[in-house]
N, C-alpha and C. Protein backbone atom coordinates (compact mmCIF):
# COMPACT_ATOMS: atom_id res chain seq x y z
N GLN A 1 38.25 -33.72 72.93
CA GLN A 1 39.04 -32.33 73.04
C GLN A 1 38.65 -31.29 72.83
N VAL A 2 38.78 -30.16 72.99
CA VAL A 2 38.29 -28.97 72.81
C VAL A 2 39.55 -28.24 72.87
N GLN A 3 39.87 -27.45 71.39
CA GLN A 3 41.10 -26.58 71.65
C GLN A 3 40.20 -24.70 71.60
N LEU A 4 41.03 -24.46 72.47
CA LEU A 4 40.58 -23.13 72.92
C LEU A 4 41.97 -22.11 72.40
N VAL A 5 41.71 -20.80 71.61
CA VAL A 5 42.61 -20.25 71.38
C VAL A 5 42.01 -18.61 71.80
N GLU A 6 42.63 -17.69 72.70
CA GLU A 6 42.64 -16.23 73.18
C GLU A 6 43.21 -15.41 72.19
N SER A 7 42.33 -14.23 71.67
CA SER A 7 42.92 -13.36 71.44
C SER A 7 42.32 -12.14 71.81
N GLY A 8 42.93 -11.09 71.52
CA GLY A 8 42.60 -9.32 71.66
C GLY A 8 43.31 -8.62 73.15
N GLY A 9 43.86 -9.50 73.65
CA GLY A 9 44.85 -8.63 74.75
C GLY A 9 45.84 -7.57 74.55
N GLY A 10 45.89 -7.06 75.38
CA GLY A 10 46.87 -5.70 75.41
C GLY A 10 47.18 -4.91 76.49
N LEU A 11 47.94 -3.98 75.95
CA LEU A 11 47.88 -2.76 76.60
C LEU A 11 46.92 -1.47 77.17
N VAL A 12 45.97 -1.03 77.68
CA VAL A 12 45.31 0.01 77.68
C VAL A 12 45.27 0.49 79.10
N GLN A 13 44.86 2.10 78.97
CA GLN A 13 44.80 2.84 79.70
C GLN A 13 43.66 2.88 81.02
N ALA A 14 43.86 2.81 81.94
CA ALA A 14 42.68 2.94 83.01
C ALA A 14 41.41 3.91 82.29
N GLY A 15 40.10 3.29 82.73
CA GLY A 15 39.14 3.64 81.65
C GLY A 15 38.57 3.05 80.27
N GLY A 16 39.83 2.48 79.93
CA GLY A 16 38.96 2.19 78.50
C GLY A 16 38.91 0.89 78.29
N SER A 17 38.41 0.53 77.22
CA SER A 17 38.04 -1.02 77.15
C SER A 17 38.80 -1.76 76.08
N LEU A 18 38.60 -3.03 76.26
CA LEU A 18 39.10 -4.44 75.31
C LEU A 18 38.46 -5.39 75.32
N ARG A 19 38.33 -5.93 74.01
CA ARG A 19 37.72 -6.99 73.57
C ARG A 19 38.47 -8.18 73.58
N LEU A 20 38.02 -9.34 74.02
CA LEU A 20 38.52 -10.25 74.18
C LEU A 20 37.76 -11.56 73.26
N SER A 21 38.58 -12.13 72.78
CA SER A 21 37.77 -13.30 71.89
C SER A 21 38.52 -14.87 71.88
N CYS A 22 37.61 -15.56 72.16
CA CYS A 22 37.97 -16.93 71.97
C CYS A 22 37.19 -18.03 70.81
N THR A 23 38.21 -18.56 70.10
CA THR A 23 37.86 -19.54 69.40
C THR A 23 38.03 -20.92 69.65
N ALA A 24 36.80 -21.71 69.54
CA ALA A 24 37.32 -23.24 69.78
C ALA A 24 37.21 -23.90 68.14
N SER A 25 37.79 -25.33 68.58
CA SER A 25 37.84 -26.49 67.53
C SER A 25 37.61 -27.41 68.40
N GLY A 26 37.50 -28.29 67.52
CA GLY A 26 37.53 -29.96 68.01
C GLY A 26 36.29 -30.19 67.85
N ARG A 27 35.70 -30.56 69.14
CA ARG A 27 34.14 -31.34 69.31
C ARG A 27 33.40 -29.77 69.50
N THR A 28 31.91 -30.12 69.58
CA THR A 28 30.59 -29.55 69.00
C THR A 28 30.65 -28.04 69.78
N PHE A 29 31.22 -26.95 69.52
CA PHE A 29 31.05 -26.07 70.69
C PHE A 29 29.67 -25.89 71.33
N ARG A 30 28.96 -25.70 70.81
CA ARG A 30 27.37 -25.40 71.33
C ARG A 30 26.83 -26.42 72.58
N ASN A 31 27.89 -27.64 72.52
CA ASN A 31 27.49 -28.40 73.57
C ASN A 31 28.23 -27.91 74.71
N TYR A 32 29.16 -26.91 74.82
CA TYR A 32 29.73 -26.94 76.14
C TYR A 32 29.50 -24.94 76.58
N ALA A 33 29.43 -25.11 77.82
CA ALA A 33 29.17 -23.69 78.41
C ALA A 33 30.84 -23.26 78.65
N MET A 34 30.73 -21.73 78.44
CA MET A 34 32.19 -21.28 78.47
C MET A 34 32.33 -20.00 79.59
N GLY A 35 33.30 -19.95 79.78
CA GLY A 35 33.73 -18.98 80.70
C GLY A 35 34.96 -18.37 80.75
N TRP A 36 35.59 -17.47 81.46
CA TRP A 36 36.68 -16.71 81.48
C TRP A 36 36.80 -16.41 82.75
N PHE A 37 38.59 -16.63 83.03
CA PHE A 37 39.08 -16.43 84.19
C PHE A 37 40.34 -15.87 84.23
N ARG A 38 40.93 -15.34 85.02
CA ARG A 38 42.48 -14.51 85.07
C ARG A 38 43.16 -14.83 86.26
N GLN A 39 44.62 -14.48 85.67
CA GLN A 39 44.93 -14.59 86.87
C GLN A 39 46.51 -13.75 87.16
N ALA A 40 46.39 -12.99 87.75
CA ALA A 40 47.49 -11.88 88.00
C ALA A 40 48.39 -12.24 88.51
N PRO A 41 49.81 -11.59 88.34
CA PRO A 41 50.86 -12.00 89.22
C PRO A 41 50.78 -12.22 90.47
N GLY A 42 51.35 -13.51 91.15
CA GLY A 42 51.51 -13.76 92.61
C GLY A 42 50.18 -13.99 93.18
N LYS A 43 48.91 -14.23 92.39
CA LYS A 43 47.69 -14.58 92.67
C LYS A 43 47.53 -15.67 92.01
N GLU A 44 46.05 -16.35 92.91
CA GLU A 44 45.44 -17.49 92.16
C GLU A 44 44.40 -17.34 91.08
N ARG A 45 44.47 -18.07 90.13
CA ARG A 45 43.75 -18.06 89.09
C ARG A 45 42.22 -17.63 89.60
N GLU A 46 41.58 -16.82 88.94
CA GLU A 46 40.12 -16.30 90.15
C GLU A 46 38.90 -16.12 88.56
N PHE A 47 37.89 -16.81 88.61
CA PHE A 47 36.81 -16.65 88.12
C PHE A 47 36.38 -15.20 87.83
N VAL A 48 35.83 -15.35 86.00
CA VAL A 48 35.75 -13.67 85.92
C VAL A 48 34.06 -13.75 85.19
N ALA A 49 33.77 -14.79 84.55
CA ALA A 49 32.22 -14.84 83.87
C ALA A 49 32.26 -16.30 83.23
N ALA A 50 30.95 -16.16 83.07
CA ALA A 50 30.39 -17.79 82.09
C ALA A 50 29.29 -17.57 81.43
N ILE A 51 28.85 -18.38 80.83
CA ILE A 51 27.93 -18.11 79.80
C ILE A 51 27.35 -19.93 79.64
N ASN A 52 26.09 -19.86 79.55
CA ASN A 52 25.42 -21.44 79.32
C ASN A 52 25.59 -21.62 77.89
N ARG A 53 25.11 -23.04 77.53
CA ARG A 53 24.94 -23.33 76.04
C ARG A 53 24.57 -22.42 75.46
N SER A 54 23.48 -21.83 75.51
CA SER A 54 22.63 -21.35 74.44
C SER A 54 22.73 -20.00 74.62
N GLY A 55 23.68 -19.53 75.63
CA GLY A 55 23.84 -18.23 75.86
C GLY A 55 22.98 -17.17 76.34
N GLY A 56 21.74 -17.99 76.84
CA GLY A 56 20.81 -17.26 77.95
C GLY A 56 20.91 -16.81 79.22
N SER A 57 21.89 -17.64 79.81
CA SER A 57 22.19 -17.22 80.91
C SER A 57 23.71 -17.06 81.32
N THR A 58 23.80 -15.74 82.16
CA THR A 58 25.54 -15.51 82.17
C THR A 58 25.65 -15.60 83.69
N VAL A 59 26.71 -15.28 84.06
CA VAL A 59 26.95 -15.00 85.62
C VAL A 59 28.63 -14.37 85.68
N TYR A 60 28.51 -13.73 86.55
CA TYR A 60 29.68 -12.71 86.72
C TYR A 60 30.66 -12.36 88.36
N ALA A 61 31.95 -12.43 88.36
CA ALA A 61 31.93 -12.05 89.33
C ALA A 61 31.94 -10.68 89.76
N ASP A 62 31.76 -10.50 91.40
CA ASP A 62 31.43 -9.16 91.63
C ASP A 62 32.21 -8.22 91.29
N SER A 63 33.60 -8.71 90.98
CA SER A 63 34.61 -7.29 90.93
C SER A 63 34.47 -7.02 89.30
N VAL A 64 33.48 -7.39 88.70
CA VAL A 64 33.24 -7.17 87.28
C VAL A 64 31.99 -6.65 86.74
N LYS A 65 31.25 -7.27 87.71
CA LYS A 65 30.00 -6.81 87.11
C LYS A 65 29.48 -5.54 86.85
N GLY A 66 28.72 -5.19 85.74
CA GLY A 66 28.47 -3.83 85.52
C GLY A 66 29.39 -3.37 84.29
N ARG A 67 30.64 -4.30 84.39
CA ARG A 67 31.65 -3.50 83.43
C ARG A 67 32.09 -4.68 82.14
N PHE A 68 32.01 -5.61 82.62
CA PHE A 68 32.39 -7.07 81.42
C PHE A 68 31.16 -7.40 81.14
N THR A 69 31.03 -8.18 79.72
CA THR A 69 30.31 -8.88 79.31
C THR A 69 30.58 -9.83 78.62
N ILE A 70 30.17 -11.36 79.08
CA ILE A 70 30.44 -12.10 77.92
C ILE A 70 29.09 -12.49 77.36
N SER A 71 29.62 -12.93 75.97
CA SER A 71 28.76 -13.29 74.69
C SER A 71 28.90 -14.42 74.11
N ARG A 72 28.30 -15.34 73.43
CA ARG A 72 28.90 -16.24 72.71
C ARG A 72 28.29 -16.41 71.13
N ASP A 73 28.90 -16.87 70.07
CA ASP A 73 28.40 -17.24 69.02
C ASP A 73 28.56 -18.50 68.27
N ASN A 74 27.45 -19.08 68.63
CA ASN A 74 27.65 -20.83 68.11
C ASN A 74 27.88 -20.95 66.75
N ALA A 75 27.20 -20.15 65.93
CA ALA A 75 27.74 -20.18 64.97
C ALA A 75 29.12 -20.15 64.27
N LYS A 76 29.83 -19.42 64.88
CA LYS A 76 31.04 -19.07 64.79
C LYS A 76 32.02 -19.63 65.73
N ASN A 77 31.55 -20.44 66.62
CA ASN A 77 32.57 -21.29 67.50
C ASN A 77 33.56 -20.09 68.37
N THR A 78 32.90 -18.73 68.76
CA THR A 78 33.47 -18.06 69.51
C THR A 78 32.89 -17.60 70.92
N VAL A 79 33.64 -17.56 71.87
CA VAL A 79 33.14 -16.34 72.86
C VAL A 79 33.76 -15.13 73.16
N ALA A 80 33.13 -14.18 73.61
CA ALA A 80 33.97 -13.11 73.67
C ALA A 80 33.87 -12.45 75.29
N LEU A 81 34.57 -11.61 75.57
CA LEU A 81 34.69 -10.89 76.84
C LEU A 81 34.64 -9.19 76.22
N GLN A 82 33.79 -8.94 76.33
CA GLN A 82 33.82 -7.05 76.32
C GLN A 82 34.07 -6.42 77.66
N MET A 83 35.30 -5.94 77.99
CA MET A 83 35.80 -5.17 79.06
C MET A 83 35.62 -3.75 78.81
N THR A 84 35.05 -3.44 79.93
CA THR A 84 34.99 -1.70 79.80
C THR A 84 35.14 -1.05 81.29
N SER A 85 35.68 0.06 81.10
CA SER A 85 35.89 0.70 82.22
C SER A 85 36.86 0.00 83.25
N LEU A 86 38.07 -0.02 82.54
CA LEU A 86 39.26 -1.11 82.65
C LEU A 86 39.75 -0.20 84.06
N LYS A 87 39.94 -1.04 84.85
CA LYS A 87 41.20 -0.75 86.19
C LYS A 87 42.50 -1.64 86.24
N PRO A 88 43.37 -0.75 86.77
CA PRO A 88 44.86 -1.64 86.77
C PRO A 88 44.70 -2.94 87.32
N GLU A 89 43.84 -3.05 88.66
CA GLU A 89 43.71 -4.48 89.14
C GLU A 89 42.86 -5.22 88.29
N ASP A 90 42.47 -5.22 86.85
CA ASP A 90 42.14 -5.83 86.14
C ASP A 90 43.32 -6.35 85.31
N THR A 91 44.43 -6.17 85.62
CA THR A 91 45.85 -6.66 85.00
C THR A 91 46.00 -8.26 85.26
N ALA A 92 45.90 -9.04 84.05
CA ALA A 92 46.19 -10.12 84.06
C ALA A 92 46.28 -10.87 83.16
N VAL A 93 46.51 -12.22 82.97
CA VAL A 93 46.30 -13.38 82.13
C VAL A 93 45.14 -13.57 82.14
N TYR A 94 44.53 -13.58 80.57
CA TYR A 94 42.68 -13.88 80.62
C TYR A 94 42.85 -14.99 79.98
N TYR A 95 42.07 -16.56 80.83
CA TYR A 95 41.97 -17.49 80.32
C TYR A 95 40.59 -18.02 79.67
N CYS A 96 40.22 -18.48 78.92
CA CYS A 96 39.18 -18.94 77.95
C CYS A 96 39.16 -20.62 78.56
N ALA A 97 37.80 -20.80 79.07
CA ALA A 97 37.38 -22.27 79.35
C ALA A 97 36.27 -22.96 78.71
N ALA A 98 36.33 -23.80 78.51
CA ALA A 98 35.14 -24.43 78.02
C ALA A 98 34.55 -26.06 79.21
N ALA A 99 33.25 -25.82 79.65
CA ALA A 99 32.87 -27.19 80.61
C ALA A 99 31.82 -27.82 80.15
N ARG A 100 31.95 -28.92 80.50
CA ARG A 100 30.68 -29.87 79.92
C ARG A 100 29.53 -29.40 80.79
N SER A 101 29.39 -29.06 81.81
CA SER A 101 28.48 -28.12 82.67
C SER A 101 28.38 -26.87 83.13
N TYR A 102 27.21 -26.15 83.18
CA TYR A 102 27.30 -24.86 83.49
C TYR A 102 26.36 -24.69 84.89
N SER A 103 27.37 -23.81 85.90
CA SER A 103 26.73 -23.69 87.13
C SER A 103 27.10 -22.45 87.42
N SER A 104 26.03 -21.54 88.15
CA SER A 104 25.96 -20.08 88.25
C SER A 104 26.70 -20.09 89.65
N SER A 105 26.79 -21.01 90.27
CA SER A 105 27.69 -20.59 91.77
C SER A 105 29.08 -21.29 91.85
N ASN A 106 29.60 -22.38 90.94
CA ASN A 106 30.64 -23.05 91.26
C ASN A 106 31.10 -23.53 89.65
N PHE A 107 31.27 -22.31 88.79
CA PHE A 107 31.52 -22.65 87.47
C PHE A 107 33.15 -23.13 87.30
N ASN A 108 33.41 -24.33 86.40
CA ASN A 108 34.84 -24.45 86.70
C ASN A 108 34.88 -25.28 84.72
N GLY A 109 36.25 -24.96 84.20
CA GLY A 109 36.69 -25.39 83.52
C GLY A 109 37.31 -26.83 83.17
N ASP A 110 37.05 -27.55 81.86
CA ASP A 110 37.17 -28.70 81.71
C ASP A 110 38.41 -28.80 80.75
N TYR A 111 38.45 -27.66 80.06
CA TYR A 111 39.30 -27.55 78.80
C TYR A 111 39.60 -25.91 79.11
N TRP A 112 40.86 -25.45 78.73
CA TRP A 112 41.90 -24.28 78.77
C TRP A 112 42.29 -24.04 77.72
N GLY A 113 42.38 -22.54 77.51
CA GLY A 113 43.60 -21.97 76.61
C GLY A 113 44.95 -21.65 77.03
N GLN A 114 45.30 -21.18 76.13
CA GLN A 114 46.96 -20.66 76.66
C GLN A 114 46.83 -18.80 77.58
N GLY A 115 45.94 -18.64 77.14
CA GLY A 115 45.84 -17.05 77.61
C GLY A 115 46.41 -16.07 76.95
N THR A 116 46.10 -15.17 77.42
CA THR A 116 46.19 -13.74 76.93
C THR A 116 46.37 -12.60 77.51
N GLN A 117 47.42 -11.61 77.65
CA GLN A 117 47.90 -10.55 78.72
C GLN A 117 46.86 -9.76 78.70
N VAL A 118 46.41 -8.84 79.37
CA VAL A 118 45.66 -7.64 79.73
C VAL A 118 46.17 -6.85 80.54
N THR A 119 46.97 -5.91 79.94
CA THR A 119 47.53 -4.67 80.99
C THR A 119 46.68 -3.08 81.39
N VAL A 120 46.61 -2.94 82.26
CA VAL A 120 45.87 -1.57 82.19
C VAL A 120 46.74 -0.77 83.01
N SER A 121 47.14 0.17 81.94
CA SER A 121 48.07 1.33 83.16
C SER A 121 46.96 2.26 83.67
N SER A 122 47.89 3.05 84.67
CA SER A 122 47.18 3.88 85.62
C SER A 122 47.45 5.33 85.05
């Protein structure tokens, strides 16, 4: 089992920035690819970004490419999502996920955090 806890969500104005963090505990963090998903009210959960075990490969949804950056620190068991140029349509609950395998075309999580709310006001 991997336990994931997100932090860093909040309310920000359009054009602003936020940094989400996810701390993992349990099994060896570096053995898992990590990702971020989000779910807006009334919508399905959608992929945002993912990073492989070493941090050498990343993939992003088209909607966030160029604005969001995913990174990880295997020494601290953390993965972060730096979000810039935020838009009202980025408003959602953001979830951290850990996966046994990494795919740049079809990433999905095996373990999930509880989520953190991000609200972008216009």
